[in-house]
Structures are given as structure tokens and as C-alpha cells.
Amino acid sequence: MIEYDDEIAVKFIGNHLPSDLKEQFPEDTLYYILDVICEFYENHDWLSEEDEEKEEKELIRFIIRQASKDAIGRFSEEEIRLVLAAEAAYSDTLDISE
């Protein structure tokens, strides 16, 4: 099994973002978002597969609130959704069992 590597994940995400978002999401911001994702899951129970959409919406709102509170940036739901999709694509390249 290949382990999740933040450095590789950040590079992967950056490479998979649309070109118009690459400047808005430099590596340090992507590292920040990965940390916030971890914080979210440390503080929230995993939801069932039926609640995936609800969980994603909550995660997106959490990232947006934290980034604004920490003066990292102001992001739209769609921008964060694209970052999460790229992160999920990276995770899919790993053989991580749930």
C-alpha cells in the first residue's frame, strides 16, 4: 500500500487545477487546505455513504470559513470543490482501504 504523502498530494492537486486557479492556490494554500480537511474529519464523525453530498457541503463550508478566519483567502464553493476533486483524484491513485 502506498501512503498518503502531503508533498506529492499538493503537487498533484496543483497540476490538476484549472490554469485560472493555479495562482489563487499556491502550494502553501494547498497545504493549509489539506490541514483543514484533516481538522474537519478529526472533529466530525464519518457520515454514511448516503450522506456523502451533505458531508461534502459541510466540508466545503468549513474550509471556506477557516480560510477566511485565518486570512488565507476568500474562496467560492466551486473553487474548493475543484480542489477537493483534485485531492480525491490523488487519493484514488493510492491503494488506501477505507
C-alpha atoms as a PDB file:
ATOM      1  CA  MET A   1       0.000   0.000   0.000  1.00  0.00           C
ATOM      2  CA  ILE A   2       1.261   3.470  -0.884  1.00  0.00           C
ATOM      3  CA  GLU A   3       1.000   6.019   1.915  1.00  0.00           C
ATOM      4  CA  TYR A   4      -0.573   9.427   1.528  1.00  0.00           C
ATOM      5  CA  ASP A   5       2.187  11.997   1.008  1.00  0.00           C
ATOM      6  CA  ASP A   6       1.226  15.649   1.542  1.00  0.00           C
ATOM      7  CA  GLU A   7       4.042  16.948  -0.662  1.00  0.00           C
ATOM      8  CA  ILE A   8       3.061  14.713  -3.577  1.00  0.00           C
ATOM      9  CA  ALA A   9      -0.626  15.464  -2.956  1.00  0.00           C
ATOM     10  CA  VAL A  10      -0.034  19.228  -3.107  1.00  0.00           C
ATOM     11  CA  LYS A  11       1.904  18.929  -6.366  1.00  0.00           C
ATOM     12  CA  PHE A  12      -0.765  16.614  -7.810  1.00  0.00           C
ATOM     13  CA  ILE A  13      -3.593  18.964  -6.815  1.00  0.00           C
ATOM     14  CA  GLY A  14      -1.756  21.981  -8.201  1.00  0.00           C
ATOM     15  CA  ASN A  15      -1.202  20.202 -11.504  1.00  0.00           C
ATOM     16  CA  HIS A  16      -4.854  19.202 -11.742  1.00  0.00           C
ATOM     17  CA  LEU A  17      -6.406  22.589 -11.022  1.00  0.00           C
ATOM     18  CA  PRO A  18      -7.670  24.651 -13.951  1.00  0.00           C
ATOM     19  CA  SER A  19      -4.984  27.102 -15.070  1.00  0.00           C
ATOM     20  CA  ASP A  20      -7.059  30.097 -13.952  1.00  0.00           C
ATOM     21  CA  LEU A  21      -6.957  28.825 -10.336  1.00  0.00           C
ATOM     22  CA  LYS A  22      -3.275  27.927 -10.074  1.00  0.00           C
ATOM     23  CA  GLU A  23      -2.258  31.406  -8.866  1.00  0.00           C
ATOM     24  CA  GLN A  24      -5.082  31.519  -6.336  1.00  0.00           C
ATOM     25  CA  PHE A  25      -3.990  28.198  -4.828  1.00  0.00           C
ATOM     26  CA  PRO A  26      -0.207  28.249  -4.348  1.00  0.00           C
ATOM     27  CA  GLU A  27       1.396  25.306  -2.563  1.00  0.00           C
ATOM     28  CA  ASP A  28       1.205  26.888   0.901  1.00  0.00           C
ATOM     29  CA  THR A  29      -2.557  27.396   0.488  1.00  0.00           C
ATOM     30  CA  LEU A  30      -2.991  23.796  -0.647  1.00  0.00           C
ATOM     31  CA  TYR A  31      -1.051  22.560   2.404  1.00  0.00           C
ATOM     32  CA  TYR A  32      -3.337  24.708   4.540  1.00  0.00           C
ATOM     33  CA  ILE A  33      -6.446  23.188   2.918  1.00  0.00           C
ATOM     34  CA  LEU A  34      -5.136  19.646   3.497  1.00  0.00           C
ATOM     35  CA  ASP A  35      -4.642  20.534   7.182  1.00  0.00           C
ATOM     36  CA  VAL A  36      -8.185  21.928   7.396  1.00  0.00           C
ATOM     37  CA  ILE A  37      -9.572  18.768   5.783  1.00  0.00           C
ATOM     38  CA  CYS A  38      -7.813  16.702   8.470  1.00  0.00           C
ATOM     39  CA  GLU A  39      -9.127  19.026  11.181  1.00  0.00           C
ATOM     40  CA  PHE A  40     -12.660  18.650   9.820  1.00  0.00           C
ATOM     41  CA  TYR A  41     -12.525  14.850   9.934  1.00  0.00           C
ATOM     42  CA  GLU A  42     -10.915  14.833  13.385  1.00  0.00           C
ATOM     43  CA  ASN A  43     -13.885  16.857  14.695  1.00  0.00           C
ATOM     44  CA  HIS A  44     -16.709  15.187  12.762  1.00  0.00           C
ATOM     45  CA  ASP A  45     -17.949  11.655  12.657  1.00  0.00           C
ATOM     46  CA  TRP A  46     -17.768   9.959   9.299  1.00  0.00           C
ATOM     47  CA  LEU A  47     -21.151  10.065   7.650  1.00  0.00           C
ATOM     48  CA  SER A  48     -22.672   7.167   5.798  1.00  0.00           C
ATOM     49  CA  GLU A  49     -22.356   6.886   2.030  1.00  0.00           C
ATOM     50  CA  GLU A  50     -25.921   8.172   1.809  1.00  0.00           C
ATOM     51  CA  ASP A  51     -24.756  11.419   3.399  1.00  0.00           C
ATOM     52  CA  GLU A  52     -21.712  11.996   1.137  1.00  0.00           C
ATOM     53  CA  GLU A  53     -23.239  15.061  -0.503  1.00  0.00           C
ATOM     54  CA  LYS A  54     -24.129  16.573   2.878  1.00  0.00           C
ATOM     55  CA  GLU A  55     -20.650  15.788   4.199  1.00  0.00           C
ATOM     56  CA  GLU A  56     -19.010  17.420   1.173  1.00  0.00           C
ATOM     57  CA  LYS A  57     -21.111  20.566   1.586  1.00  0.00           C
ATOM     58  CA  GLU A  58     -20.214  20.775   5.274  1.00  0.00           C
ATOM     59  CA  LEU A  59     -16.529  20.272   4.484  1.00  0.00           C
ATOM     60  CA  ILE A  60     -16.589  22.974   1.800  1.00  0.00           C
ATOM     61  CA  ARG A  61     -18.275  25.454   4.127  1.00  0.00           C
ATOM     62  CA  PHE A  62     -15.792  24.574   6.896  1.00  0.00           C
ATOM     63  CA  ILE A  63     -12.795  25.181   4.611  1.00  0.00           C
ATOM     64  CA  ILE A  64     -14.221  28.495   3.398  1.00  0.00           C
ATOM     65  CA  ARG A  65     -14.918  29.675   6.975  1.00  0.00           C
ATOM     66  CA  GLN A  66     -11.491  28.633   8.268  1.00  0.00           C
ATOM     67  CA  ALA A  67      -9.622  30.173   5.318  1.00  0.00           C
ATOM     68  CA  SER A  68     -11.484  33.438   5.787  1.00  0.00           C
ATOM     69  CA  LYS A  69     -10.989  33.406   9.579  1.00  0.00           C
ATOM     70  CA  ASP A  70      -7.258  32.665   9.195  1.00  0.00           C
ATOM     71  CA  ALA A  71      -6.878  35.303   6.432  1.00  0.00           C
ATOM     72  CA  ILE A  72      -5.712  32.699   3.918  1.00  0.00           C
ATOM     73  CA  GLY A  73      -8.147  33.819   1.262  1.00  0.00           C
ATOM     74  CA  ARG A  74     -11.750  34.067   0.199  1.00  0.00           C
ATOM     75  CA  PHE A  75     -12.808  31.117  -1.904  1.00  0.00           C
ATOM     76  CA  SER A  76     -16.035  30.141  -3.592  1.00  0.00           C
ATOM     77  CA  GLU A  77     -17.710  26.781  -3.067  1.00  0.00           C
ATOM     78  CA  GLU A  78     -16.901  25.837  -6.665  1.00  0.00           C
ATOM     79  CA  GLU A  79     -13.202  26.646  -6.232  1.00  0.00           C
ATOM     80  CA  ILE A  80     -12.989  24.493  -3.113  1.00  0.00           C
ATOM     81  CA  ARG A  81     -14.991  21.752  -4.831  1.00  0.00           C
ATOM     82  CA  LEU A  82     -12.331  21.696  -7.600  1.00  0.00           C
ATOM     83  CA  VAL A  83      -9.533  21.428  -5.020  1.00  0.00           C
ATOM     84  CA  LEU A  84     -11.371  18.586  -3.278  1.00  0.00           C
ATOM     85  CA  ALA A  85     -11.914  16.807  -6.602  1.00  0.00           C
ATOM     86  CA  ALA A  86      -8.185  17.026  -7.350  1.00  0.00           C
ATOM     87  CA  GLU A  87      -7.374  15.754  -3.850  1.00  0.00           C
ATOM     88  CA  ALA A  88      -9.800  12.860  -4.335  1.00  0.00           C
ATOM     89  CA  ALA A  89      -8.146  12.068  -7.679  1.00  0.00           C
ATOM     90  CA  TYR A  90      -4.785  11.907  -5.881  1.00  0.00           C
ATOM     91  CA  SER A  91      -6.249   9.629  -3.197  1.00  0.00           C
ATOM     92  CA  ASP A  92      -7.637   7.386  -5.942  1.00  0.00           C
ATOM     93  CA  THR A  93      -4.089   6.831  -7.219  1.00  0.00           C
ATOM     94  CA  LEU A  94      -3.239   5.249  -3.860  1.00  0.00           C
ATOM     95  CA  ASP A  95      -4.331   1.850  -2.694  1.00  0.00           C
ATOM     96  CA  ILE A  96      -5.929   3.130   0.501  1.00  0.00           C
ATOM     97  CA  SER A  97      -8.522   0.860   2.019  1.00  0.00           C
ATOM     98  CA  GLU A  98     -11.404   2.585   3.756  1.00  0.00           C
END
